[in-house]
Amino acid sequence: QAMIGSTQRVLVEGLSRKDANELTGRTENMRYVNFAGPERLIGQFVDVVITEAMANSLRGRVAVGVAAEA
């Protein structure tokens, strides 16, 4: 919950197992984050703004400007 609203650097690992329209990755402290984004981000680090915290993962959105630059 404390991470909501923060921007986290995320290594994009692949497509989300629960929603193929979303990507999944891990923060620097190894928390899973699911967020919408293009598949070309897989394997890259992106900044993600955390919008929701669940028991085992986080949800977020790619920080403004990141998707266009990648």
PDB file of N, CA and C in Angstrom:
ATOM      1  N   GLN A   1       0.818  -1.203   0.000  1.00  0.00           N
ATOM      2  CA  GLN A   1       0.000   0.000   0.000  1.00  0.00           C
ATOM      3  C   GLN A   1       0.854   1.255   0.000  1.00  0.00           C
ATOM      4  N   ALA A   2       1.981   1.212   0.682  1.00  0.00           N
ATOM      5  CA  ALA A   2       2.841   2.389   0.743  1.00  0.00           C
ATOM      6  C   ALA A   2       3.427   2.739  -0.618  1.00  0.00           C
ATOM      7  N   MET A   3       3.431   1.787  -1.533  1.00  0.00           N
ATOM      8  CA  MET A   3       4.022   2.024  -2.854  1.00  0.00           C
ATOM      9  C   MET A   3       3.056   2.710  -3.821  1.00  0.00           C
ATOM     10  N   ILE A   4       1.769   2.758  -3.490  1.00  0.00           N
ATOM     11  CA  ILE A   4       0.786   3.368  -4.392  1.00  0.00           C
ATOM     12  C   ILE A   4       1.153   4.828  -4.632  1.00  0.00           C
ATOM     13  N   GLY A   5       1.182   5.212  -5.897  1.00  0.00           N
ATOM     14  CA  GLY A   5       1.543   6.574  -6.278  1.00  0.00           C
ATOM     15  C   GLY A   5       3.024   6.750  -6.552  1.00  0.00           C
ATOM     16  N   SER A   6       3.830   5.768  -6.162  1.00  0.00           N
ATOM     17  CA  SER A   6       5.272   5.876  -6.397  1.00  0.00           C
ATOM     18  C   SER A   6       5.615   5.392  -7.798  1.00  0.00           C
ATOM     19  N   THR A   7       6.761   5.834  -8.286  1.00  0.00           N
ATOM     20  CA  THR A   7       7.260   5.376  -9.580  1.00  0.00           C
ATOM     21  C   THR A   7       8.367   4.367  -9.320  1.00  0.00           C
ATOM     22  N   GLN A   8       8.219   3.174  -9.883  1.00  0.00           N
ATOM     23  CA  GLN A   8       9.171   2.092  -9.668  1.00  0.00           C
ATOM     24  C   GLN A   8       9.832   1.702 -10.979  1.00  0.00           C
ATOM     25  N   ARG A   9      11.115   1.416 -10.909  1.00  0.00           N
ATOM     26  CA  ARG A   9      11.841   0.904 -12.076  1.00  0.00           C
ATOM     27  C   ARG A   9      11.542  -0.591 -12.167  1.00  0.00           C
ATOM     28  N   VAL A  10      11.061  -1.029 -13.327  1.00  0.00           N
ATOM     29  CA  VAL A  10      10.601  -2.407 -13.490  1.00  0.00           C
ATOM     30  C   VAL A  10      11.317  -3.057 -14.666  1.00  0.00           C
ATOM     31  N   LEU A  11      11.826  -4.270 -14.451  1.00  0.00           N
ATOM     32  CA  LEU A  11      12.355  -5.075 -15.547  1.00  0.00           C
ATOM     33  C   LEU A  11      11.182  -5.859 -16.118  1.00  0.00           C
ATOM     34  N   VAL A  12      10.829  -5.575 -17.362  1.00  0.00           N
ATOM     35  CA  VAL A  12       9.684  -6.223 -18.003  1.00  0.00           C
ATOM     36  C   VAL A  12      10.089  -7.639 -18.403  1.00  0.00           C
ATOM     37  N   GLU A  13       9.391  -8.638 -17.839  1.00  0.00           N
ATOM     38  CA  GLU A  13       9.764 -10.041 -18.055  1.00  0.00           C
ATOM     39  C   GLU A  13       8.957 -10.722 -19.145  1.00  0.00           C
ATOM     40  N   GLY A  14       7.737 -10.276 -19.395  1.00  0.00           N
ATOM     41  CA  GLY A  14       6.921 -10.941 -20.409  1.00  0.00           C
ATOM     42  C   GLY A  14       5.464 -10.577 -20.274  1.00  0.00           C
ATOM     43  N   LEU A  15       4.625 -11.390 -20.914  1.00  0.00           N
ATOM     44  CA  LEU A  15       3.184 -11.180 -20.846  1.00  0.00           C
ATOM     45  C   LEU A  15       2.655 -11.694 -19.514  1.00  0.00           C
ATOM     46  N   SER A  16       1.645 -11.024 -18.996  1.00  0.00           N
ATOM     47  CA  SER A  16       0.994 -11.449 -17.765  1.00  0.00           C
ATOM     48  C   SER A  16       0.332 -12.806 -17.970  1.00  0.00           C
ATOM     49  N   ARG A  17       0.414 -13.680 -16.980  1.00  0.00           N
ATOM     50  CA  ARG A  17      -0.230 -14.992 -17.066  1.00  0.00           C
ATOM     51  C   ARG A  17      -1.749 -14.874 -16.999  1.00  0.00           C
ATOM     52  N   LYS A  18      -2.243 -13.854 -16.302  1.00  0.00           N
ATOM     53  CA  LYS A  18      -3.686 -13.705 -16.116  1.00  0.00           C
ATOM     54  C   LYS A  18      -4.350 -12.895 -17.215  1.00  0.00           C
ATOM     55  N   ASP A  19      -3.590 -12.044 -17.893  1.00  0.00           N
ATOM     56  CA  ASP A  19      -4.174 -11.184 -18.928  1.00  0.00           C
ATOM     57  C   ASP A  19      -3.134 -10.969 -20.020  1.00  0.00           C
ATOM     58  N   ALA A  20      -3.329 -11.597 -21.166  1.00  0.00           N
ATOM     59  CA  ALA A  20      -2.357 -11.519 -22.263  1.00  0.00           C
ATOM     60  C   ALA A  20      -2.255 -10.124 -22.864  1.00  0.00           C
ATOM     61  N   ASN A  21      -3.154  -9.212 -22.467  1.00  0.00           N
ATOM     62  CA  ASN A  21      -3.087  -7.827 -22.934  1.00  0.00           C
ATOM     63  C   ASN A  21      -2.197  -6.972 -22.044  1.00  0.00           C
ATOM     64  N   GLU A  22      -1.657  -7.559 -20.982  1.00  0.00           N
ATOM     65  CA  GLU A  22      -0.804  -6.830 -20.053  1.00  0.00           C
ATOM     66  C   GLU A  22       0.581  -7.459 -19.994  1.00  0.00           C
ATOM     67  N   LEU A  23       1.531  -6.652 -19.544  1.00  0.00           N
ATOM     68  CA  LEU A  23       2.894  -7.115 -19.316  1.00  0.00           C
ATOM     69  C   LEU A  23       3.098  -7.336 -17.829  1.00  0.00           C
ATOM     70  N   THR A  24       4.103  -8.113 -17.496  1.00  0.00           N
ATOM     71  CA  THR A  24       4.468  -8.306 -16.109  1.00  0.00           C
ATOM     72  C   THR A  24       5.970  -8.112 -15.960  1.00  0.00           C
ATOM     73  N   GLY A  25       6.368  -7.649 -14.802  1.00  0.00           N
ATOM     74  CA  GLY A  25       7.782  -7.460 -14.521  1.00  0.00           C
ATOM     75  C   GLY A  25       7.999  -7.375 -13.027  1.00  0.00           C
ATOM     76  N   ARG A  26       9.239  -7.104 -12.641  1.00  0.00           N
ATOM     77  CA  ARG A  26       9.567  -7.016 -11.217  1.00  0.00           C
ATOM     78  C   ARG A  26      10.263  -5.701 -10.909  1.00  0.00           C
ATOM     79  N   THR A  27       9.935  -5.189  -9.739  1.00  0.00           N
ATOM     80  CA  THR A  27      10.594  -3.977  -9.264  1.00  0.00           C
ATOM     81  C   THR A  27      11.989  -4.341  -8.762  1.00  0.00           C
ATOM     82  N   GLU A  28      12.758  -3.335  -8.389  1.00  0.00           N
ATOM     83  CA  GLU A  28      14.101  -3.584  -7.859  1.00  0.00           C
ATOM     84  C   GLU A  28      14.061  -4.360  -6.548  1.00  0.00           C
ATOM     85  N   ASN A  29      12.908  -4.317  -5.828  1.00  0.00           N
ATOM     86  CA  ASN A  29      12.799  -5.102  -4.595  1.00  0.00           C
ATOM     87  C   ASN A  29      11.980  -6.381  -4.814  1.00  0.00           C
ATOM     88  N   MET A  30      11.932  -6.823  -6.105  1.00  0.00           N
ATOM     89  CA  MET A  30      11.383  -8.121  -6.511  1.00  0.00           C
ATOM     90  C   MET A  30       9.869  -8.260  -6.349  1.00  0.00           C
ATOM     91  N   ARG A  31       9.125  -7.163  -6.330  1.00  0.00           N
ATOM     92  CA  ARG A  31       7.659  -7.234  -6.321  1.00  0.00           C
ATOM     93  C   ARG A  31       7.168  -7.326  -7.756  1.00  0.00           C
ATOM     94  N   TYR A  32       6.211  -8.220  -8.008  1.00  0.00           N
ATOM     95  CA  TYR A  32       5.619  -8.333  -9.341  1.00  0.00           C
ATOM     96  C   TYR A  32       4.707  -7.150  -9.613  1.00  0.00           C
ATOM     97  N   VAL A  33       4.773  -6.638 -10.846  1.00  0.00           N
ATOM     98  CA  VAL A  33       3.913  -5.537 -11.285  1.00  0.00           C
ATOM     99  C   VAL A  33       3.296  -5.916 -12.630  1.00  0.00           C
ATOM    100  N   ASN A  34       1.985  -5.736 -12.751  1.00  0.00           N
ATOM    101  CA  ASN A  34       1.278  -5.947 -14.011  1.00  0.00           C
ATOM    102  C   ASN A  34       0.814  -4.594 -14.532  1.00  0.00           C
ATOM    103  N   PHE A  35       0.951  -4.394 -15.835  1.00  0.00           N
ATOM    104  CA  PHE A  35       0.607  -3.103 -16.427  1.00  0.00           C
ATOM    105  C   PHE A  35       0.435  -3.258 -17.929  1.00  0.00           C
ATOM    106  N   ALA A  36      -0.306  -2.337 -18.530  1.00  0.00           N
ATOM    107  CA  ALA A  36      -0.505  -2.346 -19.977  1.00  0.00           C
ATOM    108  C   ALA A  36       0.712  -1.741 -20.657  1.00  0.00           C
ATOM    109  N   GLY A  37       1.097  -2.325 -21.780  1.00  0.00           N
ATOM    110  CA  GLY A  37       2.225  -1.797 -22.536  1.00  0.00           C
ATOM    111  C   GLY A  37       2.507  -2.674 -23.737  1.00  0.00           C
ATOM    112  N   PRO A  38       3.262  -2.152 -24.689  1.00  0.00           N
ATOM    113  CA  PRO A  38       3.577  -2.925 -25.896  1.00  0.00           C
ATOM    114  C   PRO A  38       4.605  -4.024 -25.611  1.00  0.00           C
ATOM    115  N   GLU A  39       4.489  -5.133 -26.342  1.00  0.00           N
ATOM    116  CA  GLU A  39       5.404  -6.267 -26.152  1.00  0.00           C
ATOM    117  C   GLU A  39       6.855  -5.891 -26.385  1.00  0.00           C
ATOM    118  N   ARG A  40       7.122  -4.842 -27.146  1.00  0.00           N
ATOM    119  CA  ARG A  40       8.512  -4.460 -27.424  1.00  0.00           C
ATOM    120  C   ARG A  40       9.255  -4.005 -26.169  1.00  0.00           C
ATOM    121  N   LEU A  41       8.524  -3.791 -25.064  1.00  0.00           N
ATOM    122  CA  LEU A  41       9.177  -3.408 -23.808  1.00  0.00           C
ATOM    123  C   LEU A  41       9.770  -4.611 -23.072  1.00  0.00           C
ATOM    124  N   ILE A  42       9.412  -5.839 -23.486  1.00  0.00           N
ATOM    125  CA  ILE A  42       9.920  -7.033 -22.808  1.00  0.00           C
ATOM    126  C   ILE A  42      11.450  -7.049 -22.882  1.00  0.00           C
ATOM    127  N   GLY A  43      12.065  -7.273 -21.721  1.00  0.00           N
ATOM    128  CA  GLY A  43      13.516  -7.302 -21.634  1.00  0.00           C
ATOM    129  C   GLY A  43      14.138  -5.957 -21.306  1.00  0.00           C
ATOM    130  N   GLN A  44      13.316  -4.921 -21.197  1.00  0.00           N
ATOM    131  CA  GLN A  44      13.816  -3.581 -20.909  1.00  0.00           C
ATOM    132  C   GLN A  44      13.385  -3.135 -19.515  1.00  0.00           C
ATOM    133  N   PHE A  45      14.077  -2.132 -19.007  1.00  0.00           N
ATOM    134  CA  PHE A  45      13.661  -1.473 -17.779  1.00  0.00           C
ATOM    135  C   PHE A  45      12.754  -0.311 -18.151  1.00  0.00           C
ATOM    136  N   VAL A  46      11.619  -0.197 -17.455  1.00  0.00           N
ATOM    137  CA  VAL A  46      10.720   0.935 -17.658  1.00  0.00           C
ATOM    138  C   VAL A  46      10.286   1.466 -16.297  1.00  0.00           C
ATOM    139  N   ASP A  47       9.910   2.735 -16.256  1.00  0.00           N
ATOM    140  CA  ASP A  47       9.365   3.328 -15.043  1.00  0.00           C
ATOM    141  C   ASP A  47       7.861   3.133 -15.047  1.00  0.00           C
ATOM    142  N   VAL A  48       7.337   2.588 -13.947  1.00  0.00           N
ATOM    143  CA  VAL A  48       5.912   2.300 -13.820  1.00  0.00           C
ATOM    144  C   VAL A  48       5.386   2.997 -12.570  1.00  0.00           C
ATOM    145  N   VAL A  49       4.278   3.724 -12.725  1.00  0.00           N
ATOM    146  CA  VAL A  49       3.613   4.366 -11.594  1.00  0.00           C
ATOM    147  C   VAL A  49       2.662   3.337 -10.991  1.00  0.00           C
ATOM    148  N   ILE A  50       2.813   3.047  -9.712  1.00  0.00           N
ATOM    149  CA  ILE A  50       1.995   2.038  -9.043  1.00  0.00           C
ATOM    150  C   ILE A  50       0.624   2.634  -8.717  1.00  0.00           C
ATOM    151  N   THR A  51      -0.435   1.923  -9.140  1.00  0.00           N
ATOM    152  CA  THR A  51      -1.798   2.416  -8.946  1.00  0.00           C
ATOM    153  C   THR A  51      -2.611   1.568  -7.975  1.00  0.00           C
ATOM    154  N   GLU A  52      -2.174   0.339  -7.732  1.00  0.00           N
ATOM    155  CA  GLU A  52      -2.950  -0.560  -6.880  1.00  0.00           C
ATOM    156  C   GLU A  52      -2.029  -1.611  -6.285  1.00  0.00           C
ATOM    157  N   ALA A  53      -2.311  -2.003  -5.047  1.00  0.00           N
ATOM    158  CA  ALA A  53      -1.525  -3.048  -4.388  1.00  0.00           C
ATOM    159  C   ALA A  53      -2.438  -4.212  -4.027  1.00  0.00           C
ATOM    160  N   MET A  54      -2.052  -5.413  -4.450  1.00  0.00           N
ATOM    161  CA  MET A  54      -2.775  -6.617  -4.083  1.00  0.00           C
ATOM    162  C   MET A  54      -1.895  -7.447  -3.146  1.00  0.00           C
ATOM    163  N   ALA A  55      -2.397  -8.601  -2.747  1.00  0.00           N
ATOM    164  CA  ALA A  55      -1.667  -9.432  -1.792  1.00  0.00           C
ATOM    165  C   ALA A  55      -0.293  -9.846  -2.311  1.00  0.00           C
ATOM    166  N   ASN A  56      -0.216 -10.263  -3.587  1.00  0.00           N
ATOM    167  CA  ASN A  56       1.042 -10.800  -4.107  1.00  0.00           C
ATOM    168  C   ASN A  56       1.637 -10.022  -5.261  1.00  0.00           C
ATOM    169  N   SER A  57       0.989  -8.944  -5.671  1.00  0.00           N
ATOM    170  CA  SER A  57       1.496  -8.184  -6.812  1.00  0.00           C
ATOM    171  C   SER A  57       0.998  -6.748  -6.757  1.00  0.00           C
ATOM    172  N   LEU A  58       1.501  -5.970  -7.702  1.00  0.00           N
ATOM    173  CA  LEU A  58       1.107  -4.571  -7.837  1.00  0.00           C
ATOM    174  C   LEU A  58       0.544  -4.366  -9.232  1.00  0.00           C
ATOM    175  N   ARG A  59      -0.264  -3.327  -9.392  1.00  0.00           N
ATOM    176  CA  ARG A  59      -0.736  -2.922 -10.714  1.00  0.00           C
ATOM    177  C   ARG A  59      -0.248  -1.504 -10.933  1.00  0.00           C
ATOM    178  N   GLY A  60      -0.011  -1.165 -12.196  1.00  0.00           N
ATOM    179  CA  GLY A  60       0.462   0.176 -12.474  1.00  0.00           C
ATOM    180  C   GLY A  60       0.266   0.556 -13.919  1.00  0.00           C
ATOM    181  N   ARG A  61       0.826   1.705 -14.267  1.00  0.00           N
ATOM    182  CA  ARG A  61       0.793   2.188 -15.646  1.00  0.00           C
ATOM    183  C   ARG A  61       2.182   2.716 -15.976  1.00  0.00           C
ATOM    184  N   VAL A  62       2.567   2.574 -17.228  1.00  0.00           N
ATOM    185  CA  VAL A  62       3.870   3.056 -17.664  1.00  0.00           C
ATOM    186  C   VAL A  62       3.905   4.566 -17.474  1.00  0.00           C
ATOM    187  N   ALA A  63       4.996   5.079 -16.918  1.00  0.00           N
ATOM    188  CA  ALA A  63       5.137   6.514 -16.692  1.00  0.00           C
ATOM    189  C   ALA A  63       5.059   7.257 -18.022  1.00  0.00           C
ATOM    190  N   VAL A  64       4.505   8.438 -18.013  1.00  0.00           N
ATOM    191  CA  VAL A  64       4.299   9.240 -19.224  1.00  0.00           C
ATOM    192  C   VAL A  64       5.607   9.397 -19.986  1.00  0.00           C
ATOM    193  N   GLY A  65       5.544   9.144 -21.292  1.00  0.00           N
ATOM    194  CA  GLY A  65       6.703   9.329 -22.155  1.00  0.00           C
ATOM    195  C   GLY A  65       7.573   8.101 -22.324  1.00  0.00           C
ATOM    196  N   VAL A  66       7.467   7.140 -21.433  1.00  0.00           N
ATOM    197  CA  VAL A  66       8.348   5.972 -21.491  1.00  0.00           C
ATOM    198  C   VAL A  66       8.032   5.101 -22.695  1.00  0.00           C
ATOM    199  N   ALA A  67       6.751   4.806 -22.934  1.00  0.00           N
ATOM    200  CA  ALA A  67       6.375   3.904 -24.027  1.00  0.00           C
ATOM    201  C   ALA A  67       6.765   4.485 -25.384  1.00  0.00           C
ATOM    202  N   ALA A  68       6.684   5.792 -25.508  1.00  0.00           N
ATOM    203  CA  ALA A  68       7.018   6.430 -26.780  1.00  0.00           C
ATOM    204  C   ALA A  68       8.520   6.384 -27.051  1.00  0.00           C
ATOM    205  N   GLU A  69       9.313   6.400 -25.989  1.00  0.00           N
ATOM    206  CA  GLU A  69      10.767   6.437 -26.144  1.00  0.00           C
ATOM    207  C   GLU A  69      11.358   5.055 -26.382  1.00  0.00           C
ATOM    208  N   ALA A  70      10.710   4.030 -25.862  1.00  0.00           N
ATOM    209  CA  ALA A  70      11.293   2.678 -25.909  1.00  0.00           C
ATOM    210  C   ALA A  70      11.239   2.071 -27.291  1.00  0.00           C
TER     211      ALA A  70
END
